């Protein structure tokens, strides 16, 4: 998944302000308690970050 696609999904699903805050503030246990922004910066595939956030925020699996 490209970063632009990831960003678009985040903004469409959660709204721009909420999505941006989630990426900076929400620690994702499945990613070693890193934030989404930290994980992506460290080279984690945005698709993996997207799926982890979807699980944490109970997004229906058909939207993953």
PDB file of N, CA and C in Angstrom:
ATOM      1  N   UNK A   1       0.850  -1.173   0.000  1.00  0.00           N
ATOM      2  CA  UNK A   1       0.000   0.000   0.000  1.00  0.00           C
ATOM      3  C   UNK A   1       0.899   1.240   0.000  1.00  0.00           C
ATOM      4  N   UNK A   2       0.566   2.165  -0.839  1.00  0.00           N
ATOM      5  CA  UNK A   2       1.304   3.425  -0.880  1.00  0.00           C
ATOM      6  C   UNK A   2       0.860   4.323   0.265  1.00  0.00           C
ATOM      7  N   UNK A   3       1.741   5.191   0.668  1.00  0.00           N
ATOM      8  CA  UNK A   3       1.447   6.101   1.764  1.00  0.00           C
ATOM      9  C   UNK A   3       0.272   7.023   1.411  1.00  0.00           C
ATOM     10  N   UNK A   4       0.166   7.426   0.153  1.00  0.00           N
ATOM     11  CA  UNK A   4      -0.952   8.284  -0.240  1.00  0.00           C
ATOM     12  C   UNK A   4      -2.290   7.557  -0.096  1.00  0.00           C
ATOM     13  N   UNK A   5      -2.319   6.271  -0.453  1.00  0.00           N
ATOM     14  CA  UNK A   5      -3.541   5.484  -0.290  1.00  0.00           C
ATOM     15  C   UNK A   5      -3.879   5.333   1.194  1.00  0.00           C
ATOM     16  N   UNK A   6      -2.864   5.077   2.003  1.00  0.00           N
ATOM     17  CA  UNK A   6      -3.052   4.954   3.448  1.00  0.00           C
ATOM     18  C   UNK A   6      -3.656   6.239   4.016  1.00  0.00           C
ATOM     19  N   UNK A   7      -3.079   7.368   3.648  1.00  0.00           N
ATOM     20  CA  UNK A   7      -3.558   8.657   4.154  1.00  0.00           C
ATOM     21  C   UNK A   7      -4.995   8.905   3.731  1.00  0.00           C
ATOM     22  N   UNK A   8      -5.312   8.582   2.482  1.00  0.00           N
ATOM     23  CA  UNK A   8      -6.677   8.758   1.990  1.00  0.00           C
ATOM     24  C   UNK A   8      -7.662   7.880   2.769  1.00  0.00           C
ATOM     25  N   UNK A   9      -7.296   6.622   3.005  1.00  0.00           N
ATOM     26  CA  UNK A   9      -8.159   5.734   3.788  1.00  0.00           C
ATOM     27  C   UNK A   9      -8.362   6.264   5.207  1.00  0.00           C
ATOM     28  N   UNK A  10      -7.285   6.722   5.819  1.00  0.00           N
ATOM     29  CA  UNK A  10      -7.384   7.259   7.181  1.00  0.00           C
ATOM     30  C   UNK A  10      -8.329   8.453   7.221  1.00  0.00           C
ATOM     31  N   UNK A  11      -8.150   9.387   6.298  1.00  0.00           N
ATOM     32  CA  UNK A  11      -8.974  10.599   6.299  1.00  0.00           C
ATOM     33  C   UNK A  11     -10.429  10.289   5.953  1.00  0.00           C
ATOM     34  N   UNK A  12     -10.652   9.372   5.037  1.00  0.00           N
ATOM     35  CA  UNK A  12     -12.015   9.003   4.654  1.00  0.00           C
ATOM     36  C   UNK A  12     -12.727   8.269   5.789  1.00  0.00           C
ATOM     37  N   UNK A  13     -12.014   7.398   6.472  1.00  0.00           N
ATOM     38  CA  UNK A  13     -12.617   6.574   7.516  1.00  0.00           C
ATOM     39  C   UNK A  13     -12.812   7.334   8.825  1.00  0.00           C
ATOM     40  N   UNK A  14     -11.823   8.109   9.221  1.00  0.00           N
ATOM     41  CA  UNK A  14     -11.850   8.737  10.543  1.00  0.00           C
ATOM     42  C   UNK A  14     -12.001  10.258  10.526  1.00  0.00           C
ATOM     43  N   UNK A  15     -11.888  10.873   9.363  1.00  0.00           N
ATOM     44  CA  UNK A  15     -11.858  12.333   9.288  1.00  0.00           C
ATOM     45  C   UNK A  15     -10.420  12.798   9.437  1.00  0.00           C
ATOM     46  N   UNK A  16     -10.087  13.908   8.789  1.00  0.00           N
ATOM     47  CA  UNK A  16      -8.695  14.350   8.742  1.00  0.00           C
ATOM     48  C   UNK A  16      -8.116  14.640  10.118  1.00  0.00           C
ATOM     49  N   UNK A  17      -8.806  15.409  10.927  1.00  0.00           N
ATOM     50  CA  UNK A  17      -8.252  15.785  12.237  1.00  0.00           C
ATOM     51  C   UNK A  17      -8.066  14.574  13.146  1.00  0.00           C
ATOM     52  N   UNK A  18      -9.080  13.720  13.196  1.00  0.00           N
ATOM     53  CA  UNK A  18      -9.002  12.536  14.046  1.00  0.00           C
ATOM     54  C   UNK A  18      -7.909  11.597  13.557  1.00  0.00           C
ATOM     55  N   UNK A  19      -7.858  11.371  12.248  1.00  0.00           N
ATOM     56  CA  UNK A  19      -6.850  10.471  11.680  1.00  0.00           C
ATOM     57  C   UNK A  19      -5.446  10.976  11.972  1.00  0.00           C
ATOM     58  N   UNK A  20      -5.220  12.260  11.778  1.00  0.00           N
ATOM     59  CA  UNK A  20      -3.893  12.826  12.038  1.00  0.00           C
ATOM     60  C   UNK A  20      -3.517  12.687  13.512  1.00  0.00           C
ATOM     61  N   UNK A  21      -4.476  12.916  14.400  1.00  0.00           N
ATOM     62  CA  UNK A  21      -4.209  12.765  15.837  1.00  0.00           C
ATOM     63  C   UNK A  21      -3.939  11.305  16.186  1.00  0.00           C
ATOM     64  N   UNK A  22      -4.709  10.385  15.605  1.00  0.00           N
ATOM     65  CA  UNK A  22      -4.509   8.958  15.875  1.00  0.00           C
ATOM     66  C   UNK A  22      -3.098   8.525  15.505  1.00  0.00           C
ATOM     67  N   UNK A  23      -2.625   8.977  14.362  1.00  0.00           N
ATOM     68  CA  UNK A  23      -1.293   8.578  13.904  1.00  0.00           C
ATOM     69  C   UNK A  23      -0.197   9.049  14.845  1.00  0.00           C
ATOM     70  N   UNK A  24      -0.410  10.184  15.481  1.00  0.00           N
ATOM     71  CA  UNK A  24       0.612  10.739  16.363  1.00  0.00           C
ATOM     72  C   UNK A  24       0.465  10.305  17.823  1.00  0.00           C
ATOM     73  N   UNK A  25      -0.746   9.988  18.247  1.00  0.00           N
ATOM     74  CA  UNK A  25      -1.002   9.774  19.673  1.00  0.00           C
ATOM     75  C   UNK A  25      -1.350   8.356  20.099  1.00  0.00           C
ATOM     76  N   UNK A  26      -1.890   7.558  19.203  1.00  0.00           N
ATOM     77  CA  UNK A  26      -2.378   6.227  19.596  1.00  0.00           C
ATOM     78  C   UNK A  26      -1.260   5.186  19.501  1.00  0.00           C
ATOM     79  N   UNK A  27      -0.914   4.601  20.631  1.00  0.00           N
ATOM     80  CA  UNK A  27       0.090   3.531  20.651  1.00  0.00           C
ATOM     81  C   UNK A  27      -0.577   2.222  20.232  1.00  0.00           C
ATOM     82  N   UNK A  28      -0.013   1.572  19.216  1.00  0.00           N
ATOM     83  CA  UNK A  28      -0.578   0.343  18.665  1.00  0.00           C
ATOM     84  C   UNK A  28       0.185  -0.847  19.242  1.00  0.00           C
ATOM     85  N   UNK A  29      -0.471  -1.604  20.087  1.00  0.00           N
ATOM     86  CA  UNK A  29       0.186  -2.736  20.741  1.00  0.00           C
ATOM     87  C   UNK A  29       0.757  -3.731  19.742  1.00  0.00           C
ATOM     88  N   UNK A  30       0.002  -4.004  18.657  1.00  0.00           N
ATOM     89  CA  UNK A  30       0.457  -4.964  17.642  1.00  0.00           C
ATOM     90  C   UNK A  30       1.733  -4.519  16.935  1.00  0.00           C
ATOM     91  N   UNK A  31       2.078  -3.257  17.077  1.00  0.00           N
ATOM     92  CA  UNK A  31       3.279  -2.721  16.425  1.00  0.00           C
ATOM     93  C   UNK A  31       4.325  -2.308  17.463  1.00  0.00           C
ATOM     94  N   UNK A  32       4.339  -3.021  18.570  1.00  0.00           N
ATOM     95  CA  UNK A  32       5.342  -2.755  19.604  1.00  0.00           C
ATOM     96  C   UNK A  32       5.092  -1.486  20.386  1.00  0.00           C
ATOM     97  N   UNK A  33       3.834  -1.119  20.536  1.00  0.00           N
ATOM     98  CA  UNK A  33       3.423   0.091  21.257  1.00  0.00           C
ATOM     99  C   UNK A  33       3.940   1.375  20.619  1.00  0.00           C
ATOM    100  N   UNK A  34       4.208   1.295  19.319  1.00  0.00           N
ATOM    101  CA  UNK A  34       4.582   2.501  18.575  1.00  0.00           C
ATOM    102  C   UNK A  34       3.322   3.167  18.040  1.00  0.00           C
ATOM    103  N   UNK A  35       3.410   4.442  17.770  1.00  0.00           N
ATOM    104  CA  UNK A  35       2.311   5.110  17.086  1.00  0.00           C
ATOM    105  C   UNK A  35       2.376   4.737  15.609  1.00  0.00           C
ATOM    106  N   UNK A  36       1.290   4.990  14.900  1.00  0.00           N
ATOM    107  CA  UNK A  36       1.295   4.725  13.471  1.00  0.00           C
ATOM    108  C   UNK A  36       2.371   5.521  12.756  1.00  0.00           C
ATOM    109  N   UNK A  37       2.539   6.778  13.159  1.00  0.00           N
ATOM    110  CA  UNK A  37       3.561   7.623  12.535  1.00  0.00           C
ATOM    111  C   UNK A  37       4.953   7.062  12.780  1.00  0.00           C
ATOM    112  N   UNK A  38       5.225   6.618  14.004  1.00  0.00           N
ATOM    113  CA  UNK A  38       6.533   6.041  14.320  1.00  0.00           C
ATOM    114  C   UNK A  38       6.775   4.773  13.504  1.00  0.00           C
ATOM    115  N   UNK A  39       5.760   3.927  13.435  1.00  0.00           N
ATOM    116  CA  UNK A  39       5.903   2.661  12.711  1.00  0.00           C
ATOM    117  C   UNK A  39       6.203   2.906  11.238  1.00  0.00           C
ATOM    118  N   UNK A  40       5.470   3.807  10.625  1.00  0.00           N
ATOM    119  CA  UNK A  40       5.693   4.104   9.210  1.00  0.00           C
ATOM    120  C   UNK A  40       7.084   4.704   9.009  1.00  0.00           C
ATOM    121  N   UNK A  41       7.460   5.607   9.890  1.00  0.00           N
ATOM    122  CA  UNK A  41       8.788   6.220   9.799  1.00  0.00           C
ATOM    123  C   UNK A  41       9.901   5.175   9.907  1.00  0.00           C
ATOM    124  N   UNK A  42       9.638   4.126  10.676  1.00  0.00           N
ATOM    125  CA  UNK A  42      10.633   3.066  10.869  1.00  0.00           C
ATOM    126  C   UNK A  42      10.545   1.973   9.807  1.00  0.00           C
ATOM    127  N   UNK A  43       9.711   2.184   8.796  1.00  0.00           N
ATOM    128  CA  UNK A  43       9.683   1.273   7.665  1.00  0.00           C
ATOM    129  C   UNK A  43       8.598   0.215   7.656  1.00  0.00           C
ATOM    130  N   UNK A  44       7.670   0.270   8.607  1.00  0.00           N
ATOM    131  CA  UNK A  44       6.564  -0.691   8.614  1.00  0.00           C
ATOM    132  C   UNK A  44       5.632  -0.366   7.438  1.00  0.00           C
ATOM    133  N   UNK A  45       5.193  -1.392   6.739  1.00  0.00           N
ATOM    134  CA  UNK A  45       4.289  -1.221   5.608  1.00  0.00           C
ATOM    135  C   UNK A  45       3.013  -0.512   6.071  1.00  0.00           C
ATOM    136  N   UNK A  46       2.609   0.569   5.398  1.00  0.00           N
ATOM    137  CA  UNK A  46       1.382   1.265   5.779  1.00  0.00           C
ATOM    138  C   UNK A  46       0.158   0.345   5.838  1.00  0.00           C
ATOM    139  N   UNK A  47       0.114  -0.716   5.013  1.00  0.00           N
ATOM    140  CA  UNK A  47      -1.018  -1.657   5.070  1.00  0.00           C
ATOM    141  C   UNK A  47      -1.084  -2.333   6.448  1.00  0.00           C
ATOM    142  N   UNK A  48       0.068  -2.676   6.991  1.00  0.00           N
ATOM    143  CA  UNK A  48       0.099  -3.303   8.323  1.00  0.00           C
ATOM    144  C   UNK A  48      -0.375  -2.315   9.392  1.00  0.00           C
ATOM    145  N   UNK A  49       0.035  -1.066   9.261  1.00  0.00           N
ATOM    146  CA  UNK A  49      -0.410  -0.023  10.200  1.00  0.00           C
ATOM    147  C   UNK A  49      -1.917   0.168  10.064  1.00  0.00           C
ATOM    148  N   UNK A  50      -2.406   0.240   8.830  1.00  0.00           N
ATOM    149  CA  UNK A  50      -3.844   0.403   8.579  1.00  0.00           C
ATOM    150  C   UNK A  50      -4.644  -0.718   9.240  1.00  0.00           C
ATOM    151  N   UNK A  51      -4.228  -1.951   9.038  1.00  0.00           N
ATOM    152  CA  UNK A  51      -4.958  -3.086   9.610  1.00  0.00           C
ATOM    153  C   UNK A  51      -4.916  -3.064  11.136  1.00  0.00           C
ATOM    154  N   UNK A  52      -3.787  -2.704  11.702  1.00  0.00           N
ATOM    155  CA  UNK A  52      -3.682  -2.631  13.162  1.00  0.00           C
ATOM    156  C   UNK A  52      -4.616  -1.550  13.712  1.00  0.00           C
ATOM    157  N   UNK A  53      -4.655  -0.405  13.056  1.00  0.00           N
ATOM    158  CA  UNK A  53      -5.561   0.655  13.497  1.00  0.00           C
ATOM    159  C   UNK A  53      -7.022   0.235  13.333  1.00  0.00           C
ATOM    160  N   UNK A  54      -7.315  -0.454  12.246  1.00  0.00           N
ATOM    161  CA  UNK A  54      -8.687  -0.940  12.041  1.00  0.00           C
ATOM    162  C   UNK A  54      -9.111  -1.878  13.167  1.00  0.00           C
ATOM    163  N   UNK A  55      -8.210  -2.755  13.574  1.00  0.00           N
ATOM    164  CA  UNK A  55      -8.526  -3.667  14.690  1.00  0.00           C
ATOM    165  C   UNK A  55      -8.746  -2.868  15.975  1.00  0.00           C
ATOM    166  N   UNK A  56      -7.850  -1.937  16.268  1.00  0.00           N
ATOM    167  CA  UNK A  56      -7.942  -1.161  17.506  1.00  0.00           C
ATOM    168  C   UNK A  56      -9.215  -0.321  17.572  1.00  0.00           C
ATOM    169  N   UNK A  57      -9.653   0.180  16.421  1.00  0.00           N
ATOM    170  CA  UNK A  57     -10.812   1.077  16.411  1.00  0.00           C
ATOM    171  C   UNK A  57     -12.063   0.425  15.825  1.00  0.00           C
ATOM    172  N   UNK A  58     -12.042  -0.908  15.757  1.00  0.00           N
ATOM    173  CA  UNK A  58     -13.200  -1.707  15.381  1.00  0.00           C
ATOM    174  C   UNK A  58     -13.829  -1.310  14.050  1.00  0.00           C
ATOM    175  N   UNK A  59     -12.975  -1.071  13.067  1.00  0.00           N
ATOM    176  CA  UNK A  59     -13.459  -0.840  11.707  1.00  0.00           C
ATOM    177  C   UNK A  59     -13.861  -2.202  11.150  1.00  0.00           C
ATOM    178  N   UNK A  60     -15.019  -2.304  10.517  1.00  0.00           N
ATOM    179  CA  UNK A  60     -15.448  -3.597   9.977  1.00  0.00           C
ATOM    180  C   UNK A  60     -14.397  -4.193   9.032  1.00  0.00           C
ATOM    181  N   UNK A  61     -14.120  -5.490   9.155  1.00  0.00           N
ATOM    182  CA  UNK A  61     -13.082  -6.133   8.338  1.00  0.00           C
ATOM    183  C   UNK A  61     -13.241  -5.916   6.830  1.00  0.00           C
ATOM    184  N   UNK A  62     -14.447  -5.748   6.345  1.00  0.00           N
ATOM    185  CA  UNK A  62     -14.621  -5.549   4.903  1.00  0.00           C
ATOM    186  C   UNK A  62     -14.044  -4.201   4.438  1.00  0.00           C
ATOM    187  N   UNK A  63     -13.720  -3.310   5.363  1.00  0.00           N
ATOM    188  CA  UNK A  63     -13.130  -2.014   5.014  1.00  0.00           C
ATOM    189  C   UNK A  63     -11.605  -2.032   5.062  1.00  0.00           C
ATOM    190  N   UNK A  64     -11.009  -3.159   5.526  1.00  0.00           N
ATOM    191  CA  UNK A  64      -9.559  -3.250   5.655  1.00  0.00           C
ATOM    192  C   UNK A  64      -8.946  -3.397   4.309  1.00  0.00           C
TER     193      UNK A  64
END
